[in-house]
Amino acid sequence: MIRTARRDHVLVVTIDRPERRNALDREALAGLEGALDEARQGDTRVLALTGAHGHFCSGADLATVEDEGFLAALSRVLRGLRDAPFPTIAVVEGFALGAGTQLAVACDLRTATPGAGFGVPAAKLGLTVDQWTVRRVAALAGQSTARHLLLSTDVMSGERAHQLGLVHRLGDTSAGLVWADRLAELAPLTLRAMKVGLNEADAGDDASPAYAEAFAAAWGSDDLAEGLAAFAEKRPPRFHGR
């Protein structure tokens, strides 16, 4: 499910659910929380997040997405990656969709293969992401790219994401891990201080009242039920805006 391995001061965390293209369920999120705890307790200077079997993470496992605790657990993982006292790197091959894109942007740095795919297909399902994710994507990639990624449901290639600044380096998993090794050789207290400063420059975590209302409306809508049913039945959804 979630595997960890040490490379000296680098902790490599791998999502390994090949039958679901590494989609996240509650068990996977618990494993990621455990890996973050392991990293904080050990002599970790960099955490590298990867996916097994050619994919990073294909999103949330829709069989569990309406689980009451799923969103809270996902939020804890995203903020845990941001707030870790060491750099976190998303090393992306294959799909990083939905919650996969959320994991990637929660990390400090991102590498990807040119053919990797980033996207947030929430509007195809009738659900939405939290405002923290919206703010994070806009801060990292700019409003124009954020609007493309969040509103269009288009899948953006790793190469295009690199051109737009969302991805820092192009390369395969081995190249991403080599970069993690190099970062682990830098002064850890300096990197920790830099992260504190960068995180304090971020927008706040709390959702605005307007976004909280819109978020609740989407997650409580008939459209969400229709989107999930259409996905399960492999047919186009028929949304009515209610």
Protein backbone atom coordinates (compact mmCIF):
# COMPACT_ATOMS: atom_id res chain seq x y z
CA MET A 1 0.00 0.00 0.00
CA ILE A 2 2.47 2.67 1.21
CA ARG A 3 6.14 1.64 1.17
CA THR A 4 9.07 3.54 2.63
CA ALA A 5 12.78 3.11 1.95
CA ARG A 6 15.87 4.97 3.14
CA ARG A 7 18.53 6.46 0.89
CA ASP A 8 20.83 7.85 3.58
CA HIS A 9 19.03 11.06 4.63
CA VAL A 10 16.27 10.71 2.01
CA LEU A 11 13.05 8.89 2.86
CA VAL A 12 11.41 7.57 -0.31
CA VAL A 13 7.65 7.11 0.14
CA THR A 14 5.91 5.08 -2.57
CA ILE A 15 2.18 4.70 -3.17
CA ASP A 16 1.69 1.10 -4.29
CA ARG A 17 -1.89 0.23 -5.28
CA PRO A 18 -1.44 -1.06 -8.84
CA GLU A 19 -4.99 -2.39 -9.08
CA ARG A 20 -6.28 1.21 -8.64
CA ARG A 21 -3.44 3.10 -10.36
CA ASN A 22 -2.38 4.25 -6.90
CA ALA A 23 -5.70 5.94 -6.12
CA LEU A 24 -6.04 7.05 -2.51
CA ASP A 25 -8.42 5.49 -0.01
CA ARG A 26 -8.51 5.90 3.78
CA GLU A 27 -5.95 3.13 4.26
CA ALA A 28 -3.52 4.75 1.82
CA LEU A 29 -3.95 8.12 3.51
CA ALA A 30 -3.29 6.53 6.90
CA GLY A 31 -0.14 5.02 5.42
CA LEU A 32 1.00 8.41 4.15
CA GLU A 33 0.38 9.94 7.57
CA GLY A 34 2.46 7.14 9.07
CA ALA A 35 5.25 7.79 6.57
CA LEU A 36 5.28 11.48 7.49
CA ASP A 37 5.55 10.53 11.17
CA GLU A 38 8.40 8.16 10.33
CA ALA A 39 10.17 10.93 8.43
CA ARG A 40 9.85 13.41 11.29
CA GLN A 41 11.13 10.92 13.85
CA GLY A 42 14.09 9.77 11.78
CA ASP A 43 17.14 11.59 10.46
CA THR A 44 15.28 12.73 7.35
CA ARG A 45 16.51 15.70 5.36
CA VAL A 46 14.34 15.17 2.26
CA LEU A 47 11.13 13.20 1.63
CA ALA A 48 10.59 11.99 -1.95
CA LEU A 49 7.01 10.94 -2.79
CA THR A 50 6.62 8.50 -5.70
CA GLY A 51 4.14 6.08 -7.20
CA ALA A 52 4.73 2.47 -8.20
CA HIS A 53 4.04 0.72 -11.52
CA GLY A 54 4.31 3.74 -13.80
CA HIS A 55 1.79 6.05 -12.12
CA PHE A 56 2.07 8.63 -9.36
CA CYS A 57 -1.55 8.73 -8.16
CA SER A 58 -4.71 8.59 -10.25
CA GLY A 59 -6.76 10.49 -7.66
CA ALA A 60 -9.16 9.56 -4.90
CA ASP A 61 -10.59 6.06 -4.89
CA LEU A 62 -14.18 6.96 -5.72
CA ALA A 63 -15.47 3.96 -3.80
CA THR A 64 -14.45 5.75 -0.58
CA VAL A 65 -14.54 9.43 -1.53
CA GLU A 66 -17.83 10.02 0.33
CA ASP A 67 -16.42 8.48 3.49
CA GLU A 68 -16.90 11.15 6.18
CA GLY A 69 -13.26 11.07 7.25
CA PHE A 70 -11.66 10.91 3.79
CA LEU A 71 -11.45 14.65 3.17
CA ALA A 72 -10.13 15.32 6.67
CA ALA A 73 -7.43 12.66 6.24
CA LEU A 74 -6.47 14.03 2.81
CA SER A 75 -6.22 17.53 4.29
CA ARG A 76 -3.88 16.29 7.03
CA VAL A 77 -1.60 14.63 4.47
CA LEU A 78 -1.48 17.69 2.21
CA ARG A 79 -0.63 20.02 5.07
CA GLY A 80 1.80 17.47 6.46
CA LEU A 81 3.77 17.54 3.21
CA ARG A 82 3.79 21.33 3.21
CA ASP A 83 4.66 21.70 6.90
CA ALA A 84 7.32 18.97 7.15
CA PRO A 85 10.56 20.47 8.54
CA PHE A 86 12.48 19.34 5.44
CA PRO A 87 11.94 19.64 1.69
CA THR A 88 9.37 17.34 0.11
CA ILE A 89 9.62 16.36 -3.57
CA ALA A 90 6.91 14.82 -5.73
CA VAL A 91 8.58 12.52 -8.26
CA VAL A 92 5.89 12.05 -10.89
CA GLU A 93 5.58 9.45 -13.63
CA GLY A 94 2.28 8.67 -15.33
CA PHE A 95 -0.96 10.12 -13.97
CA ALA A 96 -1.15 12.65 -11.14
CA LEU A 97 -4.86 13.38 -11.32
CA GLY A 98 -7.23 14.89 -8.78
CA ALA A 99 -5.83 14.01 -5.38
CA GLY A 100 -2.61 13.08 -7.21
CA THR A 101 -2.22 16.67 -8.39
CA GLN A 102 -3.08 17.79 -4.86
CA LEU A 103 -0.27 15.64 -3.44
CA ALA A 104 2.16 17.00 -6.03
CA VAL A 105 1.38 20.67 -5.36
CA ALA A 106 1.49 20.08 -1.59
CA CYS A 107 5.17 19.16 -1.97
CA ASP A 108 7.82 21.84 -2.13
CA LEU A 109 9.30 20.63 -5.42
CA ARG A 110 8.15 18.56 -8.38
CA THR A 111 9.88 16.48 -11.03
CA ALA A 112 8.02 14.71 -13.82
CA THR A 113 8.52 12.78 -17.00
CA PRO A 114 7.55 14.72 -20.15
CA GLY A 115 4.59 12.39 -20.66
CA ALA A 116 3.26 12.59 -17.12
CA GLY A 117 -0.27 13.92 -16.71
CA PHE A 118 -1.55 16.53 -14.25
CA GLY A 119 -5.22 17.41 -13.98
CA VAL A 120 -8.17 18.00 -11.68
CA PRO A 121 -11.23 16.30 -13.21
CA ALA A 122 -13.54 17.32 -10.34
CA ALA A 123 -16.08 18.96 -12.67
CA LYS A 124 -16.58 15.63 -14.45
CA LEU A 125 -17.76 14.14 -11.15
CA GLY A 126 -19.64 16.98 -9.47
CA LEU A 127 -17.26 17.34 -6.52
CA THR A 128 -14.68 20.02 -5.72
CA VAL A 129 -11.35 20.47 -3.97
CA ASP A 130 -10.75 22.47 -0.81
CA GLN A 131 -9.84 26.15 -1.02
CA TRP A 132 -6.33 25.41 0.25
CA THR A 133 -5.67 23.49 -2.97
CA VAL A 134 -7.08 26.29 -5.12
CA ARG A 135 -4.86 28.83 -3.38
CA ARG A 136 -1.84 26.54 -3.59
CA VAL A 137 -2.18 25.94 -7.34
CA ALA A 138 -2.72 29.65 -8.00
CA ALA A 139 0.31 30.60 -5.88
CA LEU A 140 2.58 28.03 -7.54
CA ALA A 141 1.48 28.31 -11.15
CA GLY A 142 -0.33 31.65 -11.42
CA GLN A 143 -4.00 32.42 -11.92
CA SER A 144 -4.08 31.64 -15.64
CA THR A 145 -2.61 28.15 -15.30
CA ALA A 146 -4.68 27.51 -12.16
CA ARG A 147 -7.88 28.37 -14.01
CA HIS A 148 -6.91 26.07 -16.88
CA LEU A 149 -6.09 23.21 -14.51
CA LEU A 150 -9.11 23.58 -12.22
CA LEU A 151 -11.86 24.68 -14.61
CA SER A 152 -11.18 22.81 -17.85
CA THR A 153 -10.54 19.26 -16.55
CA ASP A 154 -7.84 19.05 -19.25
CA VAL A 155 -4.82 16.85 -18.53
CA MET A 156 -1.59 18.83 -18.70
CA SER A 157 1.56 16.98 -19.74
CA GLY A 158 4.66 17.00 -17.59
CA GLU A 159 6.46 18.87 -20.34
CA ARG A 160 3.79 21.59 -20.44
CA ALA A 161 3.72 21.79 -16.64
CA HIS A 162 7.49 22.31 -16.73
CA GLN A 163 7.13 25.10 -19.30
CA LEU A 164 4.60 26.83 -17.03
CA GLY A 165 6.72 26.47 -13.89
CA LEU A 166 4.53 23.95 -12.06
CA VAL A 167 7.20 21.27 -12.51
CA HIS A 168 10.79 22.18 -11.69
CA ARG A 169 12.71 19.43 -13.50
CA LEU A 170 11.94 16.88 -16.19
CA GLY A 171 13.20 13.35 -15.73
CA ASP A 172 12.33 9.85 -14.63
CA THR A 173 12.09 8.58 -11.07
CA SER A 174 15.80 7.86 -10.81
CA ALA A 175 16.62 11.44 -11.82
CA GLY A 176 14.16 12.77 -9.24
CA LEU A 177 15.75 10.69 -6.52
CA VAL A 178 19.23 11.86 -7.51
CA TRP A 179 18.00 15.44 -7.03
CA ALA A 180 16.61 14.45 -3.62
CA ASP A 181 20.03 13.02 -2.72
CA ARG A 182 21.70 16.30 -3.68
CA LEU A 183 19.28 18.37 -1.61
CA ALA A 184 19.93 16.10 1.37
CA GLU A 185 23.58 17.21 1.27
CA LEU A 186 22.62 20.86 1.89
CA ALA A 187 22.43 22.50 5.33
CA PRO A 188 19.24 21.11 6.89
CA LEU A 189 18.69 23.99 9.33
CA THR A 190 18.92 26.48 6.47
CA LEU A 191 16.35 24.53 4.44
CA ARG A 192 14.06 24.28 7.48
CA ALA A 193 14.27 28.05 8.00
CA MET A 194 13.56 28.69 4.32
CA LYS A 195 10.49 26.46 4.48
CA VAL A 196 9.15 28.29 7.53
CA GLY A 197 9.51 31.61 5.71
CA LEU A 198 7.95 30.31 2.51
CA ASN A 199 5.03 28.72 4.35
CA GLU A 200 4.37 31.91 6.27
CA ALA A 201 4.18 33.73 2.94
CA ASP A 202 1.34 31.43 1.86
CA ALA A 203 -2.31 32.39 2.11
CA GLY A 204 -4.19 31.13 5.13
CA ASP A 205 -5.53 27.60 5.48
CA ASP A 206 -9.11 28.47 6.41
CA ALA A 207 -11.77 28.61 3.71
CA SER A 208 -13.67 31.84 3.20
CA PRO A 209 -17.38 31.75 4.06
CA ALA A 210 -18.26 32.02 0.37
CA TYR A 211 -16.02 29.09 -0.57
CA ALA A 212 -17.21 27.00 2.36
CA GLU A 213 -20.79 27.48 1.18
CA ALA A 214 -19.92 26.59 -2.43
CA PHE A 215 -17.89 23.57 -1.30
CA ALA A 216 -20.77 22.23 0.82
CA ALA A 217 -23.22 22.76 -2.02
CA ALA A 218 -21.12 20.72 -4.44
CA TRP A 219 -20.49 17.87 -2.02
CA GLY A 220 -24.16 17.70 -1.04
CA SER A 221 -25.55 17.93 -4.57
CA ASP A 222 -27.54 15.58 -6.75
CA ASP A 223 -24.89 16.26 -9.39
CA LEU A 224 -22.25 14.55 -7.25
CA ALA A 225 -24.45 11.45 -6.93
CA GLU A 226 -24.97 11.53 -10.70
CA GLY A 227 -21.26 11.98 -11.39
CA LEU A 228 -20.27 9.02 -9.23
CA ALA A 229 -23.03 6.87 -10.72
CA ALA A 230 -22.00 7.78 -14.26
CA PHE A 231 -18.37 6.96 -13.50
CA ALA A 232 -19.32 3.56 -12.08
CA GLU A 233 -21.59 2.85 -15.05
CA LYS A 234 -19.01 4.11 -17.59
CA ARG A 235 -21.37 6.62 -19.20
CA PRO A 236 -21.38 10.42 -19.60
CA PRO A 237 -22.90 12.23 -16.60
CA ARG A 238 -26.02 14.37 -16.94
CA PHE A 239 -25.63 17.36 -14.63
CA HIS A 240 -28.48 19.71 -13.69
CA GLY A 241 -26.79 22.17 -11.34
CA ARG A 242 -28.59 21.06 -8.20
